Each structure stands twice: as structure tokens, then as C-alpha cells.
Amino acid sequence: MPQDFTAPVLSNIDLGHRNFLLEFAAADVASATEPGQFFMIGIPHADILLRRPFSVCGVPGTFDESEAGRLQVLYKCVGAGTDLLATLKEGARLHVLGPLGRGFSMPDSPRSRPLLVAGGIGSAPFPALARSFLAAGIIPRMIYGARSAADLPLLDWFRKSCSDVLVTTDDGSHGTKGLVTAPLADLLAADGKDTIVYACGPEPMLRAVARLTIGAGVPCELSLEAHMACGFGVCLGCVVPTRTGPSGDTGYERVCVEGPVMRAERLAW
């Protein structure tokens, strides 16, 4: 059940290249937060009116097995709101609403092989998801793409938590030069059996991942990104076109309520 609360900042770690990992106290909701859900976060008394949506990056136990009652979000400074967030120190207060939306689903079969596909800061929901897989005795694989080596936050953490991490960068500054779709297509063609893909990143990447996985008959869940004003379905500012029935009819659904995680075949792209 979402709650609207004021939370103290516990840490706000500068990961370099304008990427930050923010931790805040959330004793009443932390244990009930699911990977893939998000929070609307604002700063009291700031000139910025609307809260911003942030995927939950860490749930209790993700980065420290002893932690409890606290959550983490990963963000990149891209505008006035995140720039202001980056200035907050331990003890600063946040206005927090959540957890919100639908998260990722766990595989039904013990033979399932999860593959995380991330684009830049789209890696944000995956530490919490990877932690859930590891707790269930499942080791995920990962394809991590970005514009450059500067846009791969938490790469070392993923390398410790996944059986294999393939890195691509647009400029070739780290890993293989190119897009995530190239190694994804190769992997699906060579070893797609029992694979389930979980993807998060910019919309063009998600569209391409959806086409590849649907074409290969591989299940895929997409974590969508959208501008939001409310986060709970009232403003209708985050709708996306979806297929609403077997006849191929299309309609619109809200990323904040019916998502942010949706099956690839559900999107009418």
C-alpha cells in the first residue's frame, strides 16, 4: 500500500560522472517494496513544484545484508530537479510517495535463465531485481549498454552479482562498440532456451528489445520510463498505447499504474 511520508536522507553517494546513489529511511514500506516499483520524490521547500519518479534500485539486503528499513534510488543529474537532489546531505528531508506501480515478476520455472538488458541509467531497477534472483538461487546474466564508459553506474556491482556481464558503448570507450541489440540478438539465436529478458532503458532501445524477443518467442518484461505529474493514475500524463485484447484492438494504459513494468507483447509499438 503506497504511503506519503517524509524521509531523512541517510546517504547520497557520488558515483562519478553525475551519477548518484541516494539512500533514505523507509521503515514502514521498505520490506514491502518490489523490484520494478518506483517512488515519487520531492524536496520540501524547494522551488520545484512536482515530485519526480525514481525506480527503486535497492531494497533491504541489496547492497548490505544487514540493512533494514531503508531503500536506495539511482539517478543521474540531467536537470534542475536532480541537480538539487545531488546537493542533499545526510539528514536532509525528502517528500516520498510510494511504493507505486507494478514491478517485475519472478520466473515460474526453476530452469528459467533471467537476462537483464540495461541502457545507461536504465540499470537503476536491476540491483533490487538481481538481489531477488540471487535470494532464490538464480544467477542472472546481463547486457549493459551506454553512450560511453562514463554512463555505466554500478558496473562493478553487477559484475559481482551476475554470472556474465556483456558491455557495449556507443563510442567504444568500454566493452564492445555498438548497441545492446547486437549481443542480445546473438544470444537469443544461439542460446535463447529458457531465457526471460528484463529490460530498462530509453524507449528506442526498449522497442528494439521488444521486436527481438517477440520474434524469438522469448518472454520479455519492459520497465518503461515516462514523465509523470502524480504517479498514481490521476493526471493521465504517462499513458502508452497497448494491445487490449486478442483481436489486436489498441488502447492506452498508464505507466504509473498498469506499469511501469509491462510484457513486451502488450505494447502497441
Protein backbone atom coordinates (compact mmCIF):
# COMPACT_ATOMS: atom_id res chain seq x y z
CA MET A 1 0.00 0.00 0.00
CA PRO A 2 1.58 3.34 -1.00
CA GLN A 3 2.34 5.82 1.73
CA ASP A 4 3.03 9.53 1.62
CA PHE A 5 5.78 10.29 4.12
CA THR A 6 8.75 12.47 4.98
CA ALA A 7 12.05 10.59 4.98
CA PRO A 8 15.57 11.56 6.06
CA VAL A 9 18.43 11.12 3.64
CA LEU A 10 20.84 8.51 5.01
CA SER A 11 23.48 8.92 2.30
CA ASN A 12 23.86 10.44 -1.15
CA ILE A 13 26.89 8.83 -2.74
CA ASP A 14 28.57 10.44 -5.73
CA LEU A 15 29.39 7.55 -8.09
CA GLY A 16 31.13 9.84 -10.55
CA HIS A 17 30.11 11.26 -13.91
CA ARG A 18 26.99 12.87 -12.35
CA ASN A 19 25.58 9.53 -11.16
CA PHE A 20 24.39 9.27 -7.55
CA LEU A 21 23.06 6.56 -5.24
CA LEU A 22 20.63 8.06 -2.73
CA GLU A 23 19.59 6.13 0.38
CA PHE A 24 16.64 7.15 2.53
CA ALA A 25 14.81 5.74 5.55
CA ALA A 26 11.55 3.96 4.74
CA ALA A 27 10.86 1.72 7.72
CA ASP A 28 7.14 1.30 7.03
CA VAL A 29 7.40 0.37 3.33
CA ALA A 30 10.91 -0.95 2.67
CA SER A 31 10.15 -4.62 3.24
CA ALA A 32 7.03 -4.47 1.05
CA THR A 33 8.69 -2.72 -1.91
CA GLU A 34 9.10 -4.89 -5.01
CA PRO A 35 11.81 -4.63 -7.68
CA GLY A 36 10.49 -2.55 -10.56
CA GLN A 37 8.26 -0.33 -8.45
CA PHE A 38 9.02 3.37 -8.06
CA PHE A 39 8.70 6.35 -5.73
CA MET A 40 7.72 9.94 -6.35
CA ILE A 41 10.33 12.04 -4.54
CA GLY A 42 10.36 15.76 -3.83
CA ILE A 43 12.36 18.17 -1.72
CA PRO A 44 10.49 20.21 0.92
CA HIS A 45 10.51 23.99 0.43
CA ALA A 46 12.20 23.70 -2.98
CA ASP A 47 11.10 25.86 -5.89
CA ILE A 48 10.38 22.71 -7.93
CA LEU A 49 6.67 22.00 -7.59
CA LEU A 50 6.27 18.42 -8.77
CA ARG A 51 7.92 15.32 -7.38
CA ARG A 52 9.97 13.16 -9.73
CA PRO A 53 9.63 9.39 -10.29
CA PHE A 54 12.59 7.17 -9.35
CA SER A 55 12.81 3.40 -9.71
CA VAL A 56 13.73 1.57 -6.54
CA CYS A 57 17.34 0.50 -7.01
CA GLY A 58 17.96 -1.22 -3.69
CA VAL A 59 15.64 -2.92 -1.25
CA PRO A 60 16.82 -4.17 2.17
CA GLY A 61 19.74 -6.54 1.61
CA THR A 62 20.67 -5.40 -1.90
CA PHE A 63 23.90 -3.60 -1.02
CA ASP A 64 24.27 -4.65 2.63
CA GLU A 65 22.82 -7.83 4.08
CA SER A 66 22.42 -6.19 7.48
CA GLU A 67 20.46 -3.16 6.30
CA ALA A 68 16.75 -2.86 7.11
CA GLY A 69 14.11 -0.18 6.78
CA ARG A 70 15.97 1.69 4.06
CA LEU A 71 15.81 1.98 0.27
CA GLN A 72 18.08 3.27 -2.47
CA VAL A 73 17.45 5.05 -5.76
CA LEU A 74 19.99 5.55 -8.53
CA TYR A 75 19.83 8.77 -10.51
CA LYS A 76 21.77 10.89 -12.95
CA CYS A 77 21.86 14.68 -12.87
CA VAL A 78 20.07 15.79 -16.01
CA GLY A 79 18.18 18.91 -14.92
CA ALA A 80 17.24 21.27 -12.12
CA GLY A 81 15.46 18.63 -10.03
CA THR A 82 18.22 16.04 -10.00
CA ASP A 83 20.89 18.73 -9.68
CA LEU A 84 19.16 19.90 -6.50
CA LEU A 85 18.82 16.32 -5.26
CA ALA A 86 22.57 15.86 -5.66
CA THR A 87 23.24 18.67 -3.17
CA LEU A 88 21.42 16.93 -0.30
CA LYS A 89 23.46 15.69 2.63
CA GLU A 90 22.76 13.15 5.36
CA GLY A 91 19.81 14.30 7.46
CA ALA A 92 18.10 16.33 4.72
CA ARG A 93 14.39 15.64 4.35
CA LEU A 94 12.53 14.22 1.37
CA HIS A 95 8.83 14.09 0.50
CA VAL A 96 8.26 10.49 -0.63
CA LEU A 97 5.19 8.76 -2.11
CA GLY A 98 5.25 5.02 -2.75
CA PRO A 99 5.86 2.28 -3.49
CA LEU A 100 3.92 2.75 -6.73
CA GLY A 101 3.18 0.73 -9.84
CA ARG A 102 3.66 -2.87 -10.90
CA GLY A 103 7.07 -4.45 -10.55
CA PHE A 104 8.87 -7.34 -12.20
CA SER A 105 7.65 -10.91 -11.92
CA MET A 106 9.80 -13.80 -10.82
CA PRO A 107 10.24 -16.77 -13.21
CA ASP A 108 7.73 -19.60 -12.87
CA SER A 109 10.24 -22.33 -13.68
CA PRO A 110 13.48 -23.11 -11.82
CA ARG A 111 15.05 -23.68 -15.26
CA SER A 112 14.43 -20.07 -16.27
CA ARG A 113 17.52 -18.00 -17.07
CA PRO A 114 16.97 -14.28 -16.47
CA LEU A 115 18.81 -11.85 -18.71
CA LEU A 116 18.97 -8.19 -17.67
CA VAL A 117 19.26 -5.68 -20.53
CA ALA A 118 20.05 -2.15 -19.38
CA GLY A 119 20.64 1.10 -21.18
CA GLY A 120 22.65 3.64 -19.15
CA ILE A 121 20.72 4.85 -16.11
CA GLY A 122 18.12 2.26 -17.10
CA SER A 123 20.17 -0.06 -14.93
CA ALA A 124 18.50 1.58 -11.91
CA PRO A 125 15.88 -1.11 -11.11
CA PHE A 126 18.21 -4.06 -11.66
CA PRO A 127 20.19 -4.31 -8.39
CA ALA A 128 16.96 -4.95 -6.47
CA LEU A 129 15.82 -7.45 -9.12
CA ALA A 130 19.19 -9.22 -9.19
CA ARG A 131 19.10 -9.48 -5.41
CA SER A 132 15.68 -11.21 -5.63
CA PHE A 133 17.05 -13.70 -8.17
CA LEU A 134 20.12 -14.43 -6.05
CA ALA A 135 17.95 -14.94 -2.96
CA ALA A 136 16.02 -17.56 -4.97
CA GLY A 137 19.23 -19.30 -6.04
CA ILE A 138 19.12 -17.92 -9.60
CA ILE A 139 22.15 -16.12 -11.03
CA PRO A 140 21.19 -13.60 -13.74
CA ARG A 141 23.14 -12.60 -16.82
CA MET A 142 23.36 -9.04 -18.09
CA ILE A 143 23.88 -6.93 -21.20
CA TYR A 144 24.76 -3.39 -20.16
CA GLY A 145 24.88 -0.68 -22.81
CA ALA A 146 25.52 3.06 -22.62
CA ARG A 147 26.80 6.02 -24.59
CA SER A 148 30.26 5.81 -23.02
CA ALA A 149 32.23 4.35 -20.13
CA ALA A 150 31.03 7.27 -18.00
CA ASP A 151 27.43 6.07 -18.27
CA LEU A 152 27.74 2.63 -16.64
CA PRO A 153 26.95 3.22 -12.94
CA LEU A 154 27.33 0.25 -10.56
CA LEU A 155 29.09 -1.82 -13.23
CA ASP A 156 31.42 -3.41 -10.67
CA TRP A 157 28.43 -4.36 -8.50
CA PHE A 158 26.75 -6.06 -11.46
CA ARG A 159 29.92 -7.96 -12.32
CA LYS A 160 29.97 -9.39 -8.80
CA SER A 161 26.26 -10.27 -8.86
CA CYS A 162 25.77 -11.68 -12.38
CA SER A 163 27.31 -14.73 -14.00
CA ASP A 164 28.24 -12.72 -17.07
CA VAL A 165 28.06 -9.02 -17.99
CA LEU A 166 28.43 -8.03 -21.64
CA VAL A 167 29.14 -4.30 -22.01
CA THR A 168 28.51 -2.18 -25.09
CA THR A 169 29.13 1.53 -25.57
CA ASP A 170 28.18 3.77 -28.46
CA ASP A 171 31.70 5.24 -28.64
CA GLY A 172 33.64 2.05 -27.88
CA SER A 173 35.19 3.51 -24.72
CA HIS A 174 34.30 0.35 -22.76
CA GLY A 175 33.39 -3.14 -23.87
CA THR A 176 32.22 -3.64 -27.46
CA LYS A 177 31.37 -0.68 -29.64
CA GLY A 178 27.71 -0.76 -30.62
CA LEU A 179 24.24 -1.25 -29.18
CA VAL A 180 22.81 -3.83 -26.76
CA THR A 181 20.71 -5.28 -29.57
CA ALA A 182 23.70 -6.91 -31.29
CA PRO A 183 24.75 -9.21 -28.40
CA LEU A 184 21.09 -9.73 -27.50
CA ALA A 185 20.28 -10.98 -31.00
CA ASP A 186 23.32 -13.27 -30.94
CA LEU A 187 22.42 -14.66 -27.53
CA LEU A 188 18.78 -15.30 -28.44
CA ALA A 189 19.80 -17.06 -31.65
CA ALA A 190 22.48 -19.21 -30.02
CA ASP A 191 21.11 -19.88 -26.54
CA GLY A 192 17.63 -18.46 -26.05
CA LYS A 193 16.13 -21.57 -24.46
CA ASP A 194 14.53 -20.86 -21.07
CA THR A 195 15.67 -17.22 -21.26
CA ILE A 196 13.50 -14.45 -19.81
CA VAL A 197 14.54 -10.91 -20.69
CA TYR A 198 14.08 -7.96 -18.34
CA ALA A 199 14.86 -4.61 -19.97
CA CYS A 200 15.01 -0.98 -18.92
CA GLY A 201 16.37 2.00 -20.82
CA PRO A 202 15.42 4.63 -23.38
CA GLU A 203 12.33 3.94 -25.47
CA PRO A 204 14.15 3.28 -28.78
CA MET A 205 16.16 0.57 -27.03
CA LEU A 206 13.04 -0.95 -25.48
CA ARG A 207 11.29 -1.01 -28.85
CA ALA A 208 14.25 -2.84 -30.39
CA VAL A 209 14.47 -5.31 -27.49
CA ALA A 210 10.72 -5.96 -27.78
CA ARG A 211 11.00 -6.73 -31.51
CA LEU A 212 13.89 -9.13 -30.96
CA THR A 213 12.34 -11.03 -28.07
CA ILE A 214 8.90 -11.28 -29.64
CA GLY A 215 10.46 -12.51 -32.87
CA ALA A 216 12.44 -15.14 -30.95
CA GLY A 217 9.42 -16.20 -28.87
CA VAL A 218 11.25 -15.26 -25.66
CA PRO A 219 9.31 -13.73 -22.73
CA CYS A 220 10.29 -10.15 -22.02
CA GLU A 221 9.31 -7.60 -19.39
CA LEU A 222 9.99 -3.93 -20.07
CA SER A 223 10.36 -1.28 -17.38
CA LEU A 224 9.02 1.88 -19.01
CA GLU A 225 10.13 5.43 -18.36
CA ALA A 226 7.66 8.32 -18.59
CA HIS A 227 7.12 11.88 -17.42
CA MET A 228 4.66 11.87 -14.51
CA ALA A 229 2.89 14.56 -12.55
CA CYS A 230 1.11 12.45 -9.93
CA GLY A 231 2.40 8.85 -10.02
CA PHE A 232 -0.93 7.21 -9.18
CA GLY A 233 -3.05 7.45 -12.33
CA VAL A 234 -4.98 10.69 -11.98
CA CYS A 235 -3.20 13.06 -14.36
CA LEU A 236 -3.05 10.62 -17.33
CA GLY A 237 0.23 12.18 -18.37
CA CYS A 238 2.13 8.90 -18.75
CA VAL A 239 -0.14 6.80 -20.99
CA VAL A 240 1.28 4.43 -23.60
CA PRO A 241 -0.52 2.57 -26.42
CA THR A 242 -1.25 -1.06 -25.58
CA ARG A 243 -2.99 -4.03 -27.11
CA THR A 244 -6.17 -4.58 -25.12
CA GLY A 245 -7.41 -7.88 -26.49
CA PRO A 246 -6.74 -10.91 -28.72
CA SER A 247 -8.32 -9.17 -31.72
CA GLY A 248 -5.49 -6.66 -31.80
CA ASP A 249 -7.51 -3.70 -30.56
CA THR A 250 -5.43 -0.92 -29.06
CA GLY A 251 -5.99 1.45 -26.20
CA TYR A 252 -3.98 3.38 -23.66
CA GLU A 253 -2.72 2.42 -20.22
CA ARG A 254 -0.92 4.35 -17.52
CA VAL A 255 2.75 3.66 -16.93
CA CYS A 256 2.33 4.62 -13.27
CA VAL A 257 -0.50 2.14 -12.53
CA GLU A 258 -0.60 -0.62 -15.17
CA GLY A 259 3.20 -0.33 -15.39
CA PRO A 260 5.95 0.65 -15.17
CA VAL A 261 6.71 -3.00 -15.93
CA MET A 262 4.77 -4.45 -18.87
CA ARG A 263 5.15 -7.50 -21.06
CA ALA A 264 6.73 -6.65 -24.42
CA GLU A 265 3.85 -8.05 -26.48
CA ARG A 266 1.40 -5.82 -24.65
CA LEU A 267 2.89 -2.60 -26.03
CA ALA A 268 1.33 -1.40 -29.32
CA TRP A 269 4.61 -0.20 -30.80
